[in-house]
Amino acid sequence: MIKSVFAAVIGLVLMSGAALAGKPEGTWLSQDGGTKVRLSDCGGKLCGLVVWLKEPTDGSGKPKTDVHNPDASKRSRPMMGLQVVHGLMPDGANRWSGSIYNADDGNTYSAHMTVGDGNTADVQGCVLGFLCKTQKWTRAD
């Protein structure tokens, strides 16, 4: 589940596509199909909340929580509704940049999103500005 959240977030960040690409606002399904993240306006920037999980409960049947957060006081917060994309702003043609929280390891990474044809996006999360992972996300709304 946590890997799905990270995958979804990474998938949102860097999307490459046509000059008349779609807007990033909306709901996106992660590459592995495990998480949906809704991007919307948050004070002039885009933020993204987890709105669906393929596996929303843990092994004991309880809702999944942010168990890998380095701040122990945040480990009990539910994954559903968790803000994982922060401060995306336009950064060139069809590209947005901000940050992404990876619930798999409790770290936040720089992120880039490029919307392709409006229904797909490449999302990239980076460490140190050059160690990056990209995923393809699909519009889910």
Protein backbone atom coordinates (compact mmCIF):
# COMPACT_ATOMS: atom_id res chain seq x y z
CA MET A 1 0.00 0.00 0.00
CA ILE A 2 2.70 2.44 0.98
CA LYS A 3 4.63 1.56 -2.16
CA SER A 4 1.45 2.27 -4.12
CA VAL A 5 1.21 5.72 -2.58
CA PHE A 6 4.81 6.48 -3.47
CA ALA A 7 4.27 5.11 -6.94
CA ALA A 8 1.23 7.28 -7.38
CA VAL A 9 3.02 10.33 -6.17
CA ILE A 10 6.07 9.73 -8.30
CA GLY A 11 3.80 9.13 -11.26
CA LEU A 12 2.24 12.57 -10.80
CA VAL A 13 5.35 14.59 -10.82
CA LEU A 14 6.83 14.41 -14.32
CA MET A 15 4.54 14.09 -17.28
CA SER A 16 5.72 14.62 -20.84
CA GLY A 17 3.47 15.28 -23.76
CA ALA A 18 2.03 17.38 -26.52
CA ALA A 19 2.02 21.16 -26.65
CA LEU A 20 -1.71 21.24 -25.96
CA ALA A 21 -1.60 18.81 -23.08
CA GLY A 22 -4.31 18.57 -20.47
CA LYS A 23 -4.27 20.23 -17.10
CA PRO A 24 -2.99 18.33 -14.07
CA GLU A 25 -6.07 18.94 -11.90
CA GLY A 26 -8.16 15.85 -11.35
CA THR A 27 -7.81 12.31 -10.05
CA TRP A 28 -4.90 10.12 -11.16
CA LEU A 29 -4.34 6.37 -10.83
CA SER A 30 -0.81 5.25 -10.03
CA GLN A 31 1.11 3.10 -12.47
CA ASP A 32 0.62 -0.02 -10.34
CA GLY A 33 -3.12 0.65 -9.92
CA GLY A 34 -2.91 0.73 -6.13
CA THR A 35 -3.56 4.42 -5.36
CA LYS A 36 -5.59 7.34 -6.63
CA VAL A 37 -4.45 10.89 -5.89
CA ARG A 38 -6.65 13.94 -6.50
CA LEU A 39 -4.81 17.11 -7.54
CA SER A 40 -6.56 20.40 -6.85
CA ASP A 41 -5.87 24.04 -6.10
CA CYS A 42 -4.48 24.79 -2.64
CA GLY A 43 -3.95 28.52 -2.35
CA GLY A 44 -2.67 29.06 -5.88
CA LYS A 45 -0.57 25.90 -6.01
CA LEU A 46 -1.60 22.30 -6.62
CA CYS A 47 -1.72 19.74 -3.87
CA GLY A 48 -2.67 16.07 -3.99
CA LEU A 49 -4.60 13.92 -1.53
CA VAL A 50 -4.90 10.14 -1.44
CA VAL A 51 -8.57 9.50 -2.30
CA TRP A 52 -8.57 5.74 -2.96
CA LEU A 53 -6.47 2.71 -2.09
CA LYS A 54 -6.81 -0.69 -3.70
CA GLU A 55 -5.94 -2.15 -0.29
CA PRO A 56 -7.20 0.38 2.27
CA THR A 57 -6.76 -1.85 5.32
CA ASP A 58 -3.80 -3.51 6.97
CA GLY A 59 -3.49 -7.20 7.86
CA SER A 60 -5.69 -6.76 10.92
CA GLY A 61 -8.49 -5.09 8.94
CA LYS A 62 -7.81 -1.59 10.27
CA PRO A 63 -7.42 1.41 7.93
CA LYS A 64 -3.81 1.86 6.81
CA THR A 65 -1.86 4.64 8.48
CA ASP A 66 1.34 6.61 7.86
CA VAL A 67 3.43 4.06 9.79
CA HIS A 68 6.81 5.02 8.27
CA ASN A 69 6.62 8.72 9.10
CA PRO A 70 9.80 9.78 10.94
CA ASP A 71 7.61 11.90 13.25
CA ALA A 72 6.12 9.34 15.65
CA SER A 73 3.17 11.65 16.38
CA LYS A 74 2.07 11.34 12.71
CA ARG A 75 2.27 7.56 12.37
CA SER A 76 -1.37 7.02 13.31
CA ARG A 77 -2.78 9.42 10.69
CA PRO A 78 -4.84 7.61 8.05
CA MET A 79 -3.48 7.14 4.53
CA MET A 80 -6.89 7.99 3.08
CA GLY A 81 -7.00 11.77 2.82
CA LEU A 82 -3.27 12.16 3.39
CA GLN A 83 -1.71 15.03 1.44
CA VAL A 84 1.19 13.54 -0.53
CA VAL A 85 1.72 16.18 -3.25
CA HIS A 86 2.70 19.67 -2.15
CA GLY A 87 3.10 23.02 -3.88
CA LEU A 88 3.06 22.07 -7.57
CA MET A 89 3.55 25.18 -9.67
CA PRO A 90 4.05 25.65 -13.42
CA ASP A 91 7.68 25.13 -14.44
CA GLY A 92 7.79 25.39 -18.21
CA ALA A 93 5.46 24.10 -20.90
CA ASN A 94 3.14 21.40 -19.51
CA ARG A 95 5.39 20.83 -16.50
CA TRP A 96 4.74 21.43 -12.81
CA SER A 97 7.24 21.18 -9.96
CA GLY A 98 6.83 20.82 -6.22
CA SER A 99 7.36 18.04 -3.71
CA ILE A 100 6.02 14.57 -2.97
CA TYR A 101 5.78 12.68 0.29
CA ASN A 102 6.69 8.99 0.06
CA ALA A 103 4.70 7.10 2.67
CA ASP A 104 6.86 4.02 1.97
CA ASP A 105 9.87 5.61 3.66
CA GLY A 106 8.51 8.75 5.33
CA ASN A 107 10.62 11.10 3.18
CA THR A 108 9.68 14.04 0.98
CA TYR A 109 11.24 14.40 -2.48
CA SER A 110 11.37 17.06 -5.18
CA ALA A 111 8.80 16.28 -7.82
CA HIS A 112 7.99 17.13 -11.45
CA MET A 113 4.83 16.38 -13.39
CA THR A 114 4.30 16.64 -17.13
CA VAL A 115 0.84 15.98 -18.55
CA GLY A 116 0.92 14.27 -21.92
CA ASP A 117 -2.28 13.81 -23.90
CA GLY A 118 -4.48 14.89 -20.99
CA ASN A 119 -5.18 11.31 -19.92
CA THR A 120 -1.64 10.26 -19.03
CA ALA A 121 1.16 11.88 -17.12
CA ASP A 122 4.76 11.19 -16.27
CA VAL A 123 5.48 11.81 -12.61
CA GLN A 124 9.03 12.00 -11.35
CA GLY A 125 10.41 12.09 -7.83
CA CYS A 126 14.06 12.99 -7.25
CA VAL A 127 16.67 12.81 -4.51
CA LEU A 128 19.61 15.22 -4.69
CA GLY A 129 18.14 16.62 -7.91
CA PHE A 130 19.47 13.84 -10.15
CA LEU A 131 18.53 10.45 -8.71
CA CYS A 132 15.01 10.21 -10.10
CA LYS A 133 12.26 7.68 -10.64
CA THR A 134 9.46 8.21 -13.16
CA GLN A 135 6.04 6.60 -13.38
CA LYS A 136 3.17 6.82 -15.85
CA TRP A 137 -0.12 7.84 -14.27
CA THR A 138 -3.56 7.56 -15.87
CA ARG A 139 -6.42 9.98 -15.41
CA ALA A 140 -9.09 8.35 -13.26
CA ASP A 141 -11.88 10.93 -13.44
